[in-house]
Amino acid sequence: MVVNTFYELEREYCELFGGVDCKKAWFIGPLDLFSKGGDHDHVHKGKAERGGGESAAVVENRERCMGWLERKKVGSVIFVCFGSWCCFEDEQLREMALGLEASGMEFLWVVRGDHGEHLKTEWMSEGWEERVKGKGLVVRGWAPQAAILAHEAVGVFMTHCGWNSLLEGLGSGKPMLTWPLVFEQFINERLVVEVLKVGVRVWDGFRSTFEKEKVVVPAEAIERAVRKFMEGSGEGEEMRKRAAEWAEIAGAAVAEGGSSHKDLNSLIDELFMVREKTKDESHRR
């Protein structure tokens, strides 16, 4: 079993996993950091990207995002992205837009799915994009998440707590505002908030994947969460320090001699050994 995690992050579980769930396991994450060769300097060039491809729209979005971030101060931007499966309804998107605007903070917001494909949508209040122009950037469709997170202008990551996103946030040293939506994301949120202590919940009103009643997080709660984190509270500063420490640990794991680097080499050795064994068996037949 090959897992996108690293030993230092889930030490006890890595040991249990290898001993109980399967005979052999390799922990080789965070995968996106391998494109930098374990370099600890968080620059966006060369970062691996998931699912982007090289279409004209993808290239345009990448250049637009990175160009916009280059004009922003260090740590001044909140990056808002909920993955490719996000299922927000118009009502929630409208509250999100109003909450981000009311916070007064600079933001880069990725809107995906059906909501992101059309320039004008019902959820966006009239004149909203004009009001936040310069302060906020809305990206429709795919965005270079790993590169955005690695940029020094980004100060916090609002996320659905998908595992890849969580690792990319940690690997880039970004604290998180958590907003889980489905599946194991609620467990991942507890890891971020309660164990690692590098994030805070946006909203305490939901805790389960199986909520029967629709929950809409109001604009006021979103504004409050963003302001509290971005305006330099003591709690926020502590989380930034811890997030930066985890970025160093993650970078060391994929660097030469690190735990993930060793496991990757061990995996390659294992595959070579299996191939040679298969060749020998075929010759004996």
Protein backbone atom coordinates (compact mmCIF):
# COMPACT_ATOMS: atom_id res chain seq x y z
CA MET A 1 0.00 0.00 0.00
CA VAL A 2 1.38 3.40 -1.03
CA VAL A 3 0.03 6.36 0.94
CA ASN A 4 0.24 10.12 0.39
CA THR A 5 1.23 11.06 3.93
CA PHE A 6 4.46 11.30 5.90
CA TYR A 7 5.61 9.46 8.99
CA GLU A 8 6.09 12.52 11.19
CA LEU A 9 2.50 13.65 10.63
CA GLU A 10 0.81 10.36 11.54
CA ARG A 11 3.49 8.42 13.36
CA GLU A 12 1.24 6.14 15.44
CA TYR A 13 -1.10 5.40 12.54
CA CYS A 14 1.70 4.69 10.10
CA GLU A 15 3.07 2.10 12.51
CA LEU A 16 -0.36 0.53 13.05
CA PHE A 17 -1.15 0.59 9.34
CA GLY A 18 2.01 -1.25 8.40
CA GLY A 19 1.53 -3.83 11.16
CA VAL A 20 -2.20 -4.47 10.94
CA ASP A 21 -3.78 -3.47 7.63
CA CYS A 22 -1.23 -4.88 5.21
CA LYS A 23 2.12 -6.61 5.05
CA LYS A 24 3.96 -3.70 3.45
CA ALA A 25 3.24 0.05 3.39
CA TRP A 26 5.15 3.04 2.07
CA PHE A 27 4.43 6.63 3.17
CA ILE A 28 5.74 8.98 0.48
CA GLY A 29 4.01 12.37 0.94
CA PRO A 30 3.42 15.20 0.63
CA LEU A 31 3.60 14.33 -3.07
CA ASP A 32 3.36 17.91 -4.31
CA LEU A 33 6.63 18.77 -2.54
CA PHE A 34 8.63 16.24 -4.54
CA SER A 35 8.45 18.53 -7.58
CA LYS A 36 10.62 20.96 -5.63
CA GLY A 37 13.13 18.29 -4.67
CA GLY A 38 12.56 18.95 -0.97
CA ASP A 39 13.46 22.62 -1.27
CA HIS A 40 12.11 24.49 1.75
CA ASP A 41 11.80 27.82 -0.05
CA HIS A 42 8.12 28.23 -0.84
CA VAL A 43 8.20 29.51 -4.39
CA HIS A 44 5.42 28.78 -6.84
CA LYS A 45 7.58 27.89 -9.82
CA GLY A 46 7.85 24.17 -10.46
CA LYS A 47 5.08 23.18 -8.07
CA ALA A 48 3.16 20.07 -9.09
CA GLU A 49 -0.46 20.70 -9.98
CA ARG A 50 -3.35 18.25 -9.90
CA GLY A 51 -5.85 18.01 -12.74
CA GLY A 52 -4.89 21.15 -14.60
CA GLY A 53 -3.56 20.07 -17.97
CA GLU A 54 -2.31 22.73 -20.35
CA SER A 55 -5.42 24.10 -22.05
CA ALA A 56 -5.61 27.79 -22.90
CA ALA A 57 -8.09 28.38 -20.06
CA VAL A 58 -5.81 26.64 -17.54
CA VAL A 59 -2.75 28.63 -18.63
CA GLU A 60 -4.77 31.85 -18.49
CA ASN A 61 -6.04 31.10 -14.97
CA ARG A 62 -2.53 30.24 -13.77
CA GLU A 63 -1.05 33.48 -15.11
CA ARG A 64 -3.97 35.52 -13.80
CA CYS A 65 -3.72 34.09 -10.27
CA MET A 66 0.03 34.35 -9.93
CA GLY A 67 0.15 37.82 -11.50
CA TRP A 68 -2.52 39.06 -9.08
CA LEU A 69 -0.70 37.60 -6.05
CA GLU A 70 2.58 39.23 -7.08
CA ARG A 71 0.99 42.64 -6.44
CA LYS A 72 -0.11 41.78 -2.89
CA LYS A 73 1.69 42.15 0.44
CA VAL A 74 3.10 39.16 2.28
CA GLY A 75 0.41 37.24 4.18
CA SER A 76 -2.39 39.61 3.16
CA VAL A 77 -4.57 37.24 1.08
CA ILE A 78 -7.04 34.56 2.13
CA PHE A 79 -7.23 31.73 -0.40
CA VAL A 80 -10.71 30.16 -0.61
CA CYS A 81 -11.06 26.83 -2.40
CA PHE A 82 -13.34 23.86 -1.74
CA GLY A 83 -12.12 21.26 -4.21
CA SER A 84 -13.64 19.96 -7.42
CA TRP A 85 -16.62 18.25 -5.76
CA CYS A 86 -17.98 21.30 -3.97
CA CYS A 87 -21.78 21.25 -3.93
CA PHE A 88 -22.68 24.69 -2.56
CA GLU A 89 -26.07 26.01 -3.57
CA ASP A 90 -26.61 29.58 -4.76
CA GLU A 91 -27.77 30.71 -1.31
CA GLN A 92 -24.49 29.64 0.31
CA LEU A 93 -22.37 31.14 -2.46
CA ARG A 94 -24.19 34.45 -2.00
CA GLU A 95 -23.46 34.42 1.75
CA MET A 96 -19.84 33.59 1.02
CA ALA A 97 -19.52 36.51 -1.39
CA LEU A 98 -21.08 38.95 1.08
CA GLY A 99 -19.01 37.63 4.00
CA LEU A 100 -15.71 37.95 2.13
CA GLU A 101 -16.64 41.46 1.02
CA ALA A 102 -17.66 42.53 4.54
CA SER A 103 -14.40 41.24 6.02
CA GLY A 104 -12.49 43.91 4.10
CA MET A 105 -9.66 41.41 3.55
CA GLU A 106 -8.06 40.58 0.23
CA PHE A 107 -9.13 37.21 -1.12
CA LEU A 108 -8.61 34.81 -4.00
CA TRP A 109 -11.74 32.66 -4.37
CA VAL A 110 -11.98 29.64 -6.68
CA VAL A 111 -15.53 28.85 -7.79
CA ARG A 112 -15.79 25.49 -9.50
CA GLY A 113 -18.50 23.31 -11.03
CA ASP A 114 -21.65 24.70 -12.67
CA HIS A 115 -21.37 27.91 -10.64
CA GLY A 116 -17.97 28.71 -12.09
CA GLU A 117 -18.64 28.15 -15.77
CA HIS A 118 -20.74 31.24 -16.44
CA LEU A 119 -19.54 34.80 -16.11
CA LYS A 120 -22.78 36.01 -14.53
CA THR A 121 -24.74 33.77 -12.18
CA GLU A 122 -27.85 34.17 -10.04
CA TRP A 123 -25.97 33.78 -6.77
CA MET A 124 -23.83 36.87 -7.29
CA SER A 125 -25.51 40.04 -6.07
CA GLU A 126 -25.66 42.91 -8.55
CA GLY A 127 -22.51 45.02 -8.58
CA TRP A 128 -20.60 42.67 -6.26
CA GLU A 129 -17.65 42.08 -8.57
CA GLU A 130 -17.25 45.80 -9.13
CA ARG A 131 -17.34 46.49 -5.40
CA VAL A 132 -14.56 43.99 -4.62
CA LYS A 133 -12.45 44.78 -7.67
CA GLY A 134 -8.80 45.03 -6.68
CA LYS A 135 -9.59 43.58 -3.26
CA GLY A 136 -10.79 40.19 -4.40
CA LEU A 137 -10.19 37.88 -7.34
CA VAL A 138 -12.77 35.27 -8.38
CA VAL A 139 -11.41 32.41 -10.49
CA ARG A 140 -13.88 30.22 -12.36
CA GLY A 141 -12.90 26.61 -13.02
CA TRP A 142 -9.44 25.21 -12.32
CA ALA A 143 -6.78 27.13 -10.38
CA PRO A 144 -3.14 26.23 -9.53
CA GLN A 145 -3.84 25.48 -5.87
CA ALA A 146 -0.39 24.22 -4.84
CA ALA A 147 1.34 27.20 -6.44
CA ILE A 148 -1.13 29.65 -4.89
CA LEU A 149 -0.63 28.15 -1.44
CA ALA A 150 3.14 28.35 -1.84
CA HIS A 151 2.99 32.08 -2.62
CA GLU A 152 4.10 34.37 0.19
CA ALA A 153 1.11 36.68 -0.30
CA VAL A 154 -1.28 33.98 0.94
CA GLY A 155 -1.79 34.19 4.68
CA VAL A 156 -4.53 31.62 5.31
CA PHE A 157 -6.32 28.83 3.44
CA MET A 158 -10.11 28.34 3.71
CA THR A 159 -10.58 24.69 2.79
CA HIS A 160 -13.00 21.74 2.73
CA CYS A 161 -10.26 19.64 4.38
CA GLY A 162 -9.83 17.16 1.55
CA TRP A 163 -6.65 15.17 2.19
CA ASN A 164 -4.67 16.49 -0.79
CA SER A 165 -5.63 20.06 0.10
CA LEU A 166 -4.71 19.52 3.75
CA LEU A 167 -1.24 18.23 2.79
CA GLU A 168 -0.70 21.07 0.31
CA GLY A 169 -1.65 23.57 3.01
CA LEU A 170 0.70 22.01 5.56
CA GLY A 171 3.52 21.67 3.05
CA SER A 172 3.23 25.37 2.24
CA GLY A 173 3.06 26.41 5.89
CA LYS A 174 -0.42 27.91 5.70
CA PRO A 175 -2.85 27.89 8.64
CA MET A 176 -6.41 26.92 7.74
CA LEU A 177 -10.00 27.99 8.17
CA THR A 178 -11.85 24.67 8.03
CA TRP A 179 -15.18 23.97 6.33
CA PRO A 180 -15.65 20.20 5.78
CA LEU A 181 -18.35 19.07 3.39
CA VAL A 182 -18.44 15.26 3.06
CA PHE A 183 -16.78 11.92 3.81
CA GLU A 184 -13.59 11.89 5.91
CA GLN A 185 -13.24 15.68 5.74
CA PHE A 186 -14.80 16.01 9.21
CA ILE A 187 -12.10 13.72 10.62
CA ASN A 188 -9.42 15.67 8.75
CA GLU A 189 -10.79 18.87 10.28
CA ARG A 190 -10.28 17.44 13.77
CA LEU A 191 -6.67 16.66 12.87
CA VAL A 192 -6.11 20.25 11.74
CA VAL A 193 -7.99 21.97 14.58
CA GLU A 194 -7.64 19.72 17.61
CA VAL A 195 -4.41 17.76 17.06
CA LEU A 196 -2.06 19.88 14.95
CA LYS A 197 -3.69 23.14 16.10
CA VAL A 198 -3.01 24.92 12.82
CA GLY A 199 -6.59 25.90 12.04
CA VAL A 200 -9.97 27.05 13.31
CA ARG A 201 -13.50 26.11 12.31
CA VAL A 202 -15.44 28.61 10.25
CA TRP A 203 -18.72 27.38 11.71
CA ASP A 204 -19.71 25.13 14.62
CA GLY A 205 -23.19 24.44 13.27
CA PHE A 206 -22.44 21.14 11.53
CA ARG A 207 -20.49 18.03 12.43
CA SER A 208 -21.67 15.18 10.23
CA THR A 209 -21.67 14.05 6.63
CA PHE A 210 -25.27 12.94 7.09
CA GLU A 211 -26.92 16.22 8.11
CA LYS A 212 -30.56 16.04 7.03
CA GLU A 213 -31.29 19.72 7.54
CA LYS A 214 -29.66 22.10 5.09
CA VAL A 215 -27.14 24.35 6.81
CA VAL A 216 -26.31 27.75 5.35
CA VAL A 217 -23.39 29.51 7.00
CA PRO A 218 -24.33 33.20 7.22
CA ALA A 219 -22.19 36.01 5.83
CA GLU A 220 -21.69 37.40 9.34
CA ALA A 221 -20.04 34.17 10.53
CA ILE A 222 -17.76 34.05 7.49
CA GLU A 223 -16.78 37.69 7.99
CA ARG A 224 -16.08 37.07 11.68
CA ALA A 225 -13.89 34.01 11.02
CA VAL A 226 -11.85 35.75 8.33
CA ARG A 227 -11.36 38.95 10.33
CA LYS A 228 -10.37 37.11 13.49
CA PHE A 229 -7.68 35.18 11.68
CA MET A 230 -6.34 37.85 9.35
CA GLU A 231 -6.18 40.78 11.76
CA GLY A 232 -3.27 39.34 13.71
CA SER A 233 -4.84 37.89 16.85
CA GLY A 234 -2.55 36.06 19.25
CA GLU A 235 -4.25 32.77 18.43
CA GLY A 236 -3.71 33.33 14.72
CA GLU A 237 -0.03 34.12 15.20
CA GLU A 238 0.52 30.92 17.15
CA MET A 239 -1.13 28.92 14.40
CA ARG A 240 1.03 30.59 11.77
CA LYS A 241 4.14 29.59 13.70
CA ARG A 242 2.98 25.99 14.04
CA ALA A 243 2.03 25.85 10.34
CA ALA A 244 5.49 27.12 9.39
CA GLU A 245 7.06 24.43 11.57
CA TRP A 246 5.01 21.75 9.83
CA ALA A 247 6.13 23.06 6.45
CA GLU A 248 9.74 22.52 7.55
CA ILE A 249 8.96 19.00 8.77
CA ALA A 250 7.12 18.14 5.54
CA GLY A 251 9.96 19.55 3.43
CA ALA A 252 12.50 17.53 5.39
CA ALA A 253 10.45 14.36 4.88
CA VAL A 254 10.75 14.56 1.07
CA ALA A 255 14.34 15.83 1.06
CA GLU A 256 17.18 13.36 0.53
CA GLY A 257 17.47 11.20 3.62
CA GLY A 258 13.99 12.13 4.87
CA SER A 259 11.34 9.59 5.86
CA SER A 260 9.27 9.91 2.65
CA HIS A 261 12.37 10.01 0.46
CA LYS A 262 13.60 6.78 2.07
CA ASP A 263 10.21 5.11 1.67
CA LEU A 264 10.04 6.11 -2.00
CA ASN A 265 13.47 4.61 -2.65
CA SER A 266 12.43 1.50 -0.73
CA LEU A 267 9.31 1.22 -2.90
CA ILE A 268 11.38 1.49 -6.09
CA ASP A 269 13.80 -1.17 -4.79
CA GLU A 270 10.85 -3.42 -3.99
CA LEU A 271 9.41 -3.04 -7.50
CA PHE A 272 12.77 -3.90 -9.07
CA MET A 273 13.07 -6.93 -6.83
CA VAL A 274 9.57 -8.15 -7.74
CA ARG A 275 10.33 -7.68 -11.43
CA GLU A 276 13.54 -9.71 -11.20
CA LYS A 277 11.76 -12.42 -9.22
CA THR A 278 9.05 -12.61 -11.87
CA LYS A 279 11.67 -12.92 -14.61
CA ASP A 280 13.41 -15.77 -12.78
CA GLU A 281 10.16 -17.65 -12.27
CA SER A 282 9.22 -17.30 -15.93
CA HIS A 283 12.64 -18.65 -17.02
CA ARG A 284 12.27 -21.72 -14.74
CA ARG A 285 8.96 -22.53 -16.36
